[in-house]
């Protein structure tokens, strides 16, 4: 995969590339019930892609700041 070059500023914080799948609609009071349900499920999936995008949160909106195609 190609680098995003100058799109990513050097940072001293530890960083581990990852994909986040989340929903902020889950209320704290509902977490235990959701955990009980989802902790018993296995998830396995694959997908094909020709593009990967780098997003940055700015004023409450995710914006694409870099994109690579292969």
C-alpha atoms as a PDB file:
ATOM      1  CA  UNK A   1       0.000   0.000   0.000  1.00  0.00           C
ATOM      2  CA  UNK A   2       1.211   3.500  -0.736  1.00  0.00           C
ATOM      3  CA  UNK A   3       1.893   6.043   1.986  1.00  0.00           C
ATOM      4  CA  UNK A   4      -0.417   8.985   2.669  1.00  0.00           C
ATOM      5  CA  UNK A   5       2.693  11.158   2.678  1.00  0.00           C
ATOM      6  CA  UNK A   6       2.173  14.661   4.035  1.00  0.00           C
ATOM      7  CA  UNK A   7      -1.457  13.992   4.967  1.00  0.00           C
ATOM      8  CA  UNK A   8      -0.424  12.474   8.306  1.00  0.00           C
ATOM      9  CA  UNK A   9       1.487  14.665  10.747  1.00  0.00           C
ATOM     10  CA  UNK A  10       4.163  13.015  12.886  1.00  0.00           C
ATOM     11  CA  UNK A  11       2.850  12.390  16.361  1.00  0.00           C
ATOM     12  CA  UNK A  12       4.636  11.167  19.477  1.00  0.00           C
ATOM     13  CA  UNK A  13       1.563   9.360  20.780  1.00  0.00           C
ATOM     14  CA  UNK A  14       1.489   5.598  20.245  1.00  0.00           C
ATOM     15  CA  UNK A  15      -0.718   4.755  17.284  1.00  0.00           C
ATOM     16  CA  UNK A  16      -1.951   1.430  15.998  1.00  0.00           C
ATOM     17  CA  UNK A  17      -3.704   1.459  12.618  1.00  0.00           C
ATOM     18  CA  UNK A  18      -7.216   0.143  13.033  1.00  0.00           C
ATOM     19  CA  UNK A  19     -10.753   0.134  11.754  1.00  0.00           C
ATOM     20  CA  UNK A  20     -13.437   1.363  14.105  1.00  0.00           C
ATOM     21  CA  UNK A  21     -16.958   0.025  13.805  1.00  0.00           C
ATOM     22  CA  UNK A  22     -19.067   1.866  16.321  1.00  0.00           C
ATOM     23  CA  UNK A  23     -22.311   3.598  17.012  1.00  0.00           C
ATOM     24  CA  UNK A  24     -22.644   6.376  19.560  1.00  0.00           C
ATOM     25  CA  UNK A  25     -26.394   5.781  19.890  1.00  0.00           C
ATOM     26  CA  UNK A  26     -25.884   3.120  22.583  1.00  0.00           C
ATOM     27  CA  UNK A  27     -26.785   4.646  25.941  1.00  0.00           C
ATOM     28  CA  UNK A  28     -24.491   3.818  28.887  1.00  0.00           C
ATOM     29  CA  UNK A  29     -27.434   2.231  30.719  1.00  0.00           C
ATOM     30  CA  UNK A  30     -27.880  -0.235  27.809  1.00  0.00           C
ATOM     31  CA  UNK A  31     -24.232  -1.286  27.552  1.00  0.00           C
ATOM     32  CA  UNK A  32     -24.424  -4.378  29.803  1.00  0.00           C
ATOM     33  CA  UNK A  33     -27.399  -5.795  27.906  1.00  0.00           C
ATOM     34  CA  UNK A  34     -25.708  -5.159  24.538  1.00  0.00           C
ATOM     35  CA  UNK A  35     -22.435  -6.657  25.764  1.00  0.00           C
ATOM     36  CA  UNK A  36     -24.245  -9.792  26.917  1.00  0.00           C
ATOM     37  CA  UNK A  37     -25.737 -10.197  23.452  1.00  0.00           C
ATOM     38  CA  UNK A  38     -22.740  -9.300  21.244  1.00  0.00           C
ATOM     39  CA  UNK A  39     -20.028 -10.961  23.316  1.00  0.00           C
ATOM     40  CA  UNK A  40     -21.513 -14.342  22.373  1.00  0.00           C
ATOM     41  CA  UNK A  41     -21.455 -13.621  18.630  1.00  0.00           C
ATOM     42  CA  UNK A  42     -18.554 -14.188  16.284  1.00  0.00           C
ATOM     43  CA  UNK A  43     -18.105 -11.880  13.338  1.00  0.00           C
ATOM     44  CA  UNK A  44     -16.118 -12.832  10.264  1.00  0.00           C
ATOM     45  CA  UNK A  45     -16.350 -11.025   6.941  1.00  0.00           C
ATOM     46  CA  UNK A  46     -14.322 -10.152   3.904  1.00  0.00           C
ATOM     47  CA  UNK A  47     -14.710  -7.468   1.280  1.00  0.00           C
ATOM     48  CA  UNK A  48     -12.980  -6.239  -1.829  1.00  0.00           C
ATOM     49  CA  UNK A  49     -11.937  -2.660  -2.263  1.00  0.00           C
ATOM     50  CA  UNK A  50      -9.992  -0.611  -4.754  1.00  0.00           C
ATOM     51  CA  UNK A  51      -9.683   2.464  -2.558  1.00  0.00           C
ATOM     52  CA  UNK A  52      -8.764   3.267   1.026  1.00  0.00           C
ATOM     53  CA  UNK A  53      -9.558   6.657   2.500  1.00  0.00           C
ATOM     54  CA  UNK A  54      -8.080   8.588   5.397  1.00  0.00           C
ATOM     55  CA  UNK A  55     -10.683  10.551   7.340  1.00  0.00           C
ATOM     56  CA  UNK A  56     -10.324  13.357   9.868  1.00  0.00           C
ATOM     57  CA  UNK A  57     -13.048  14.572  12.228  1.00  0.00           C
ATOM     58  CA  UNK A  58     -13.564  18.305  11.846  1.00  0.00           C
ATOM     59  CA  UNK A  59     -16.405  20.262  13.455  1.00  0.00           C
ATOM     60  CA  UNK A  60     -18.501  17.153  13.975  1.00  0.00           C
ATOM     61  CA  UNK A  61     -18.110  15.788  10.431  1.00  0.00           C
ATOM     62  CA  UNK A  62     -15.747  13.175   9.000  1.00  0.00           C
ATOM     63  CA  UNK A  63     -13.898  14.520   5.970  1.00  0.00           C
ATOM     64  CA  UNK A  64     -11.769  12.571   3.504  1.00  0.00           C
ATOM     65  CA  UNK A  65      -8.280  14.079   3.658  1.00  0.00           C
ATOM     66  CA  UNK A  66      -6.447  11.438   1.660  1.00  0.00           C
ATOM     67  CA  UNK A  67      -7.294   8.613  -0.679  1.00  0.00           C
ATOM     68  CA  UNK A  68      -5.288   5.867  -2.356  1.00  0.00           C
ATOM     69  CA  UNK A  69      -6.407   3.540  -5.118  1.00  0.00           C
ATOM     70  CA  UNK A  70      -4.821   0.256  -6.074  1.00  0.00           C
END
